[in-house]
Amino acid sequence: MAAVSVLGAGSWGTALAILLNNNGHEVALWSIIEDEVNLLNDTRENKSKLPGIHIPDEINITNNLKEAILGKDMLVMAVPSKFVRNTANLMKEYVTKDQIIVNVAKGLEDDSLYTLADVINDEMPDNPVAVLSGPSHAEEVSRNIPTTCVAGSKDHDVAKKVQDIFMNSDFRVYTSSDVIGIEMGGALKNVIALAAGISDGIGFGDNTKAAIMTRGITEISRLGVAMGAETQTFAGLSGIGDLIVTCTSMHSRNRRAGILIGKGYSLQEALDEVKMVVEGVYTAKAALDLSEKYKVEMPIIREVNEVLFKGKDTKKAVEDLMIRDKKIEYKK
């Protein structure tokens, strides 16, 4: 048995806390929002994000960060990507160097263009850092629906430890040393899912979505490899696997926001309707900046930015993608 804290009580953090508890570990679930902690303790249910899912009484739900961190073997960071640095900064006062930090958020830091593991390493350089990613909607994991993910760390022993703590008969975990590939796949698929949702919202069909997904994974892998990732990672769980589920499922807040934008909602109206963090919106600008930094062509990412932040008509964005200069897909 391990002592594990999940930092962030959103849908994913709550689902993972329940999974870890079911695996027999000693689990704490922390939120910076006191009212949220009180409500979760009173109802033992995350009614707004995981309705109908009971939070076991054994899970210690707390607002006290020191209490959540001290004496734990592993700290799971499940806060939205834009709060990762601030949370890591708050944590480092209490963290000891033997504690494994596992990031499960998917995104990029806007200003620095760091991956989230890099942000955590920047704030807590003495700690082993791992990532956990893959096609894994919280709504399904919390209901014990079979799911597979990948645990990544540059240290195989750390990745193996994450695998051992999280894996069970319903939640299969693989290991990988390609942290940058896992993170880029997890972050950028949200932007492509916005594009897929926009296509659905406009009323286009399966052909269009298949094209967006296929060319989308090409863009993701192109940038990832330029940043040092392994090509094969993007054919795996955190690449095409996560892309498929995020582009096709109504559990996906990125796809749902895209659908609304495709129907004519403004970005803010779409975000207000979804009522949850839409990570692709926060990642889109950073992804475009990285494409320019590494001189990588990413037309879908570029058009998503034009639609989100410059008010470009969605049908015109699709038209501009279709009429670009002729390209070769493969030539030996």
Protein backbone atom coordinates (compact mmCIF):
# COMPACT_ATOMS: atom_id res chain seq x y z
CA MET A 1 0.00 0.00 0.00
CA ALA A 2 1.18 3.51 -0.83
CA ALA A 3 0.18 6.89 0.57
CA VAL A 4 -0.95 9.09 -2.31
CA SER A 5 -2.40 12.60 -2.55
CA VAL A 6 -4.34 13.83 -5.55
CA LEU A 7 -4.03 17.60 -5.87
CA GLY A 8 -7.05 18.96 -7.72
CA ALA A 9 -10.63 17.82 -7.14
CA GLY A 10 -12.02 18.20 -10.64
CA SER A 11 -13.51 15.26 -12.53
CA TRP A 12 -10.14 13.65 -13.34
CA GLY A 13 -8.65 14.18 -9.89
CA THR A 14 -11.77 12.77 -8.24
CA ALA A 15 -11.86 9.75 -10.55
CA LEU A 16 -8.19 8.97 -9.91
CA ALA A 17 -8.60 9.36 -6.14
CA ILE A 18 -11.42 6.79 -6.26
CA LEU A 19 -9.32 4.45 -8.45
CA LEU A 20 -6.35 4.69 -6.10
CA ASN A 21 -8.57 4.07 -3.09
CA ASN A 22 -10.06 1.01 -4.79
CA ASN A 23 -6.49 -0.22 -5.36
CA GLY A 24 -6.02 -0.27 -1.59
CA HIS A 25 -3.90 2.84 -1.17
CA GLU A 26 -4.18 5.52 1.50
CA VAL A 27 -5.59 8.47 -0.46
CA ALA A 28 -6.07 12.19 0.13
CA LEU A 29 -7.88 14.52 -2.26
CA TRP A 30 -6.95 18.21 -2.04
CA SER A 31 -8.60 21.32 -3.41
CA ILE A 32 -7.56 24.93 -2.92
CA ILE A 33 -11.27 25.88 -2.86
CA GLU A 34 -12.59 25.55 0.68
CA ASP A 35 -16.26 25.57 -0.35
CA GLU A 36 -15.60 22.73 -2.77
CA VAL A 37 -13.92 20.68 -0.05
CA ASN A 38 -16.82 21.27 2.34
CA LEU A 39 -19.36 20.26 -0.29
CA LEU A 40 -17.44 17.10 -1.23
CA ASN A 41 -17.12 16.13 2.42
CA ASP A 42 -20.81 16.76 3.08
CA THR A 43 -22.16 14.92 0.03
CA ARG A 44 -19.29 12.51 -0.83
CA GLU A 45 -20.13 13.23 -4.47
CA ASN A 46 -18.70 15.60 -7.08
CA LYS A 47 -22.20 16.48 -8.28
CA SER A 48 -21.22 19.06 -10.88
CA LYS A 49 -18.51 16.94 -12.55
CA LEU A 50 -19.13 13.26 -11.72
CA PRO A 51 -22.80 13.02 -10.73
CA GLY A 52 -23.86 9.71 -9.26
CA ILE A 53 -20.32 8.60 -8.33
CA HIS A 54 -19.77 8.02 -4.60
CA ILE A 55 -16.46 9.18 -3.12
CA PRO A 56 -15.47 6.52 -0.57
CA ASP A 57 -15.40 7.64 3.04
CA GLU A 58 -11.78 6.43 3.35
CA ILE A 59 -10.56 9.25 1.08
CA ASN A 60 -9.44 12.25 3.12
CA ILE A 61 -10.77 15.35 1.33
CA THR A 62 -8.87 18.38 2.55
CA ASN A 63 -8.13 22.04 1.95
CA ASN A 64 -4.87 21.80 3.93
CA LEU A 65 -1.96 21.50 1.49
CA LYS A 66 0.61 20.67 4.17
CA GLU A 67 -1.59 17.84 5.43
CA ALA A 68 -2.08 16.59 1.88
CA ILE A 69 1.66 16.44 1.16
CA LEU A 70 3.47 15.39 4.33
CA GLY A 71 4.24 11.67 4.57
CA LYS A 72 2.97 10.79 1.09
CA ASP A 73 4.86 8.55 -1.31
CA MET A 74 3.33 10.05 -4.43
CA LEU A 75 1.71 13.39 -5.28
CA VAL A 76 -0.63 13.43 -8.29
CA MET A 77 -1.11 16.85 -9.86
CA ALA A 78 -4.59 17.01 -11.37
CA VAL A 79 -5.11 20.77 -11.50
CA PRO A 80 -5.83 22.48 -14.85
CA SER A 81 -2.69 23.21 -16.85
CA LYS A 82 -2.82 26.96 -16.26
CA PHE A 83 -2.60 26.37 -12.49
CA VAL A 84 0.25 23.83 -12.51
CA ARG A 85 3.06 26.31 -11.83
CA ASN A 86 1.21 28.12 -9.07
CA THR A 87 0.29 24.83 -7.40
CA ALA A 88 3.85 23.51 -7.70
CA ASN A 89 5.11 26.75 -6.18
CA LEU A 90 2.77 26.29 -3.21
CA MET A 91 3.76 22.64 -2.84
CA LYS A 92 7.53 23.02 -2.71
CA GLU A 93 7.51 24.36 0.84
CA TYR A 94 6.36 20.93 2.06
CA VAL A 95 7.65 18.47 -0.54
CA THR A 96 10.59 16.20 0.21
CA LYS A 97 12.91 15.02 -2.57
CA ASP A 98 11.92 11.35 -2.27
CA GLN A 99 8.28 12.05 -3.22
CA ILE A 100 7.29 11.20 -6.80
CA ILE A 101 5.32 13.94 -8.58
CA VAL A 102 2.92 12.64 -11.23
CA ASN A 103 1.33 15.12 -13.63
CA VAL A 104 -1.99 14.07 -15.15
CA ALA A 105 -3.00 17.44 -16.65
CA LYS A 106 -2.66 17.99 -20.41
CA GLY A 107 -1.45 21.30 -21.74
CA LEU A 108 1.42 23.73 -22.23
CA GLU A 109 2.50 26.79 -20.29
CA ASP A 110 1.62 29.88 -22.30
CA ASP A 111 4.54 32.20 -21.58
CA SER A 112 7.46 29.78 -21.35
CA LEU A 113 6.09 27.21 -23.84
CA TYR A 114 7.17 24.56 -21.31
CA THR A 115 5.48 21.20 -21.08
CA LEU A 116 3.89 20.66 -17.67
CA ALA A 117 6.60 18.22 -16.57
CA ASP A 118 9.14 20.94 -17.36
CA VAL A 119 7.13 23.40 -15.25
CA ILE A 120 7.13 20.97 -12.32
CA ASN A 121 10.85 20.30 -12.75
CA ASP A 122 11.44 24.04 -12.80
CA GLU A 123 9.70 24.48 -9.45
CA MET A 124 10.80 21.23 -7.78
CA PRO A 125 14.07 20.20 -9.47
CA ASP A 126 15.03 17.61 -6.86
CA ASN A 127 11.93 15.48 -7.24
CA PRO A 128 11.35 12.57 -9.63
CA VAL A 129 8.62 13.58 -12.08
CA ALA A 130 6.35 11.33 -14.12
CA VAL A 131 3.33 11.82 -16.37
CA LEU A 132 0.21 9.70 -16.82
CA SER A 133 -1.77 10.12 -20.02
CA GLY A 134 -3.93 8.37 -22.58
CA PRO A 135 -7.54 7.95 -23.74
CA SER A 136 -9.16 8.18 -20.33
CA HIS A 137 -12.35 10.15 -19.71
CA ALA A 138 -12.97 10.57 -15.99
CA GLU A 139 -16.66 9.74 -16.47
CA GLU A 140 -15.68 6.23 -17.61
CA VAL A 141 -12.73 5.60 -15.30
CA SER A 142 -14.92 6.44 -12.29
CA ARG A 143 -17.36 3.72 -13.46
CA ASN A 144 -14.63 1.08 -13.87
CA ILE A 145 -14.94 0.97 -17.65
CA PRO A 146 -11.79 -0.70 -19.12
CA THR A 147 -9.20 1.98 -19.89
CA THR A 148 -5.52 2.03 -20.87
CA CYS A 149 -2.94 4.74 -20.18
CA VAL A 150 0.82 5.22 -20.32
CA ALA A 151 3.09 6.28 -17.46
CA GLY A 152 6.13 8.20 -18.62
CA SER A 153 9.36 9.07 -16.87
CA LYS A 154 13.00 9.38 -17.86
CA ASP A 155 13.68 7.02 -14.94
CA HIS A 156 12.20 3.60 -15.70
CA ASP A 157 11.94 2.72 -12.00
CA VAL A 158 9.75 5.79 -11.45
CA ALA A 159 7.49 4.92 -14.41
CA LYS A 160 7.24 1.36 -13.08
CA LYS A 161 6.25 2.66 -9.64
CA VAL A 162 3.44 4.72 -11.19
CA GLN A 163 2.36 1.66 -13.17
CA ASP A 164 2.28 -0.49 -10.04
CA ILE A 165 0.26 2.03 -8.00
CA PHE A 166 -2.37 2.86 -10.64
CA MET A 167 -2.85 -0.39 -12.54
CA ASN A 168 -5.73 -2.76 -11.88
CA SER A 169 -8.01 -5.09 -13.87
CA ASP A 170 -9.97 -2.14 -15.31
CA PHE A 171 -7.12 0.37 -15.67
CA ARG A 172 -4.16 -0.96 -17.62
CA VAL A 173 -0.94 1.09 -17.53
CA TYR A 174 2.03 0.84 -19.89
CA THR A 175 5.41 2.53 -19.31
CA SER A 176 7.50 4.78 -21.54
CA SER A 177 10.64 6.90 -21.32
CA ASP A 178 9.35 9.41 -23.91
CA VAL A 179 7.98 12.08 -21.58
CA ILE A 180 8.02 14.87 -24.19
CA GLY A 181 6.12 12.71 -26.68
CA ILE A 182 3.48 11.75 -24.14
CA GLU A 183 2.98 15.36 -23.09
CA MET A 184 2.85 16.79 -26.59
CA GLY A 185 0.34 14.17 -27.67
CA GLY A 186 -1.85 14.86 -24.65
CA ALA A 187 -1.67 18.63 -25.01
CA LEU A 188 -2.09 19.07 -28.75
CA LYS A 189 -4.88 16.55 -29.25
CA ASN A 190 -7.14 18.99 -27.39
CA VAL A 191 -6.58 21.62 -30.09
CA ILE A 192 -7.32 19.09 -32.84
CA ALA A 193 -10.46 18.03 -30.94
CA LEU A 194 -11.65 21.64 -31.06
CA ALA A 195 -11.23 21.48 -34.84
CA ALA A 196 -13.13 18.18 -35.01
CA GLY A 197 -15.91 19.65 -32.91
CA ILE A 198 -16.10 22.74 -35.10
CA SER A 199 -16.47 20.44 -38.12
CA ASP A 200 -19.32 18.60 -36.40
CA GLY A 201 -20.97 21.87 -35.41
CA ILE A 202 -20.87 23.16 -39.00
CA GLY A 203 -22.56 19.93 -40.07
CA PHE A 204 -19.73 18.27 -41.98
CA GLY A 205 -19.47 14.50 -41.95
CA ASP A 206 -17.27 11.56 -41.03
CA ASN A 207 -14.96 12.13 -44.00
CA THR A 208 -14.10 15.60 -42.72
CA LYS A 209 -13.50 14.46 -39.17
CA ALA A 210 -11.31 11.58 -40.34
CA ALA A 211 -9.23 14.05 -42.34
CA ILE A 212 -8.87 16.39 -39.35
CA MET A 213 -7.83 13.54 -37.06
CA THR A 214 -5.38 12.00 -39.54
CA ARG A 215 -3.73 15.25 -40.55
CA GLY A 216 -3.94 16.37 -36.93
CA ILE A 217 -1.81 13.50 -35.65
CA THR A 218 0.64 14.29 -38.45
CA GLU A 219 0.94 17.87 -37.17
CA ILE A 220 1.30 16.70 -33.56
CA SER A 221 4.00 14.16 -34.37
CA ARG A 222 5.82 16.59 -36.66
CA LEU A 223 6.20 19.12 -33.85
CA GLY A 224 6.84 16.49 -31.18
CA VAL A 225 9.69 14.91 -33.12
CA ALA A 226 11.19 18.36 -33.76
CA MET A 227 11.20 18.84 -29.98
CA GLY A 228 12.93 15.51 -29.35
CA ALA A 229 10.06 13.03 -29.05
CA GLU A 230 9.97 9.54 -30.58
CA THR A 231 7.77 9.05 -33.65
CA GLN A 232 6.29 5.77 -32.35
CA THR A 233 4.83 7.51 -29.29
CA PHE A 234 2.30 9.27 -31.50
CA ALA A 235 1.03 5.92 -32.77
CA GLY A 236 0.37 4.91 -29.17
CA LEU A 237 -2.04 5.63 -26.34
CA SER A 238 -1.02 9.22 -25.69
CA GLY A 239 -0.99 10.00 -29.41
CA ILE A 240 -3.58 8.54 -31.75
CA GLY A 241 -5.37 6.82 -28.84
CA ASP A 242 -6.06 10.02 -26.94
CA LEU A 243 -6.79 11.88 -30.17
CA ILE A 244 -9.47 9.39 -31.21
CA VAL A 245 -11.35 9.52 -27.92
CA THR A 246 -11.14 13.31 -27.60
CA CYS A 247 -12.30 13.96 -31.17
CA THR A 248 -15.23 11.52 -31.09
CA SER A 249 -16.69 11.48 -27.56
CA MET A 250 -19.29 13.80 -26.09
CA HIS A 251 -17.42 13.43 -22.78
CA SER A 252 -14.77 15.62 -24.45
CA ARG A 253 -15.20 19.21 -23.37
CA ASN A 254 -12.89 20.29 -26.21
CA ARG A 255 -15.09 18.63 -28.82
CA ARG A 256 -18.25 20.01 -27.17
CA ALA A 257 -16.84 23.54 -27.18
CA GLY A 258 -15.86 23.09 -30.84
CA ILE A 259 -19.36 21.95 -31.75
CA LEU A 260 -20.82 25.10 -30.22
CA ILE A 261 -18.32 27.33 -32.05
CA GLY A 262 -19.14 25.53 -35.28
CA LYS A 263 -22.81 26.33 -34.66
CA GLY A 264 -21.99 30.02 -34.37
CA TYR A 265 -21.35 30.54 -30.66
CA SER A 266 -18.58 32.93 -29.70
CA LEU A 267 -15.61 31.45 -27.83
CA GLN A 268 -16.83 32.89 -24.53
CA GLU A 269 -20.39 31.66 -25.11
CA ALA A 270 -19.04 28.17 -25.80
CA LEU A 271 -16.89 28.18 -22.66
CA ASP A 272 -19.83 29.39 -20.57
CA GLU A 273 -22.00 26.59 -21.95
CA VAL A 274 -19.45 23.82 -21.32
CA LYS A 275 -18.88 25.07 -17.74
CA MET A 276 -15.56 23.22 -17.42
CA VAL A 277 -11.95 24.01 -18.34
CA VAL A 278 -11.44 23.59 -22.10
CA GLU A 279 -7.70 22.91 -22.20
CA GLY A 280 -7.41 23.20 -25.98
CA VAL A 281 -8.23 26.89 -25.84
CA TYR A 282 -5.31 27.54 -23.49
CA THR A 283 -2.98 25.28 -25.49
CA ALA A 284 -3.75 26.60 -28.98
CA LYS A 285 -1.62 29.76 -28.79
CA ALA A 286 1.33 27.96 -27.24
CA ALA A 287 1.13 25.25 -29.90
CA LEU A 288 1.21 27.87 -32.65
CA ASP A 289 4.16 29.63 -31.01
CA LEU A 290 6.03 26.32 -30.78
CA SER A 291 5.34 25.60 -34.45
CA GLU A 292 6.92 28.91 -35.34
CA LYS A 293 9.83 28.38 -32.95
CA TYR A 294 10.65 24.98 -34.45
CA LYS A 295 9.68 26.00 -38.01
CA VAL A 296 7.08 23.22 -38.27
CA GLU A 297 4.06 23.57 -40.54
CA MET A 298 0.80 23.12 -38.57
CA PRO A 299 -2.10 24.40 -40.69
CA ILE A 300 -4.92 22.97 -38.56
CA ILE A 301 -3.46 24.48 -35.39
CA ARG A 302 -3.08 27.80 -37.22
CA GLU A 303 -6.69 27.84 -38.43
CA VAL A 304 -8.00 26.95 -34.95
CA ASN A 305 -6.14 29.97 -33.60
CA GLU A 306 -7.65 32.16 -36.32
CA VAL A 307 -11.15 31.00 -35.40
CA LEU A 308 -10.71 31.21 -31.62
CA PHE A 309 -8.87 34.48 -31.29
CA LYS A 310 -9.36 36.44 -34.52
CA GLY A 311 -12.99 35.71 -35.24
CA LYS A 312 -12.41 33.92 -38.52
CA ASP A 313 -15.48 32.31 -40.05
CA THR A 314 -15.37 28.55 -39.40
CA LYS A 315 -16.37 27.54 -42.93
CA LYS A 316 -13.72 29.86 -44.38
CA ALA A 317 -11.13 28.22 -42.12
CA VAL A 318 -12.04 24.79 -43.49
CA GLU A 319 -12.03 26.14 -47.06
CA ASP A 320 -8.55 27.60 -46.57
CA LEU A 321 -7.31 24.22 -45.33
CA MET A 322 -8.75 22.50 -48.39
CA ILE A 323 -7.34 24.87 -51.02
CA ARG A 324 -3.78 25.05 -49.73
CA ASP A 325 -0.97 24.22 -52.13
CA LYS A 326 -0.82 20.60 -53.26
CA LYS A 327 1.24 18.35 -50.98
CA ILE A 328 2.81 14.89 -51.11
CA GLU A 329 1.71 12.59 -48.28
CA TYR A 330 4.56 10.10 -48.80
CA LYS A 331 7.31 9.63 -51.36
CA LYS A 332 10.06 7.07 -51.06
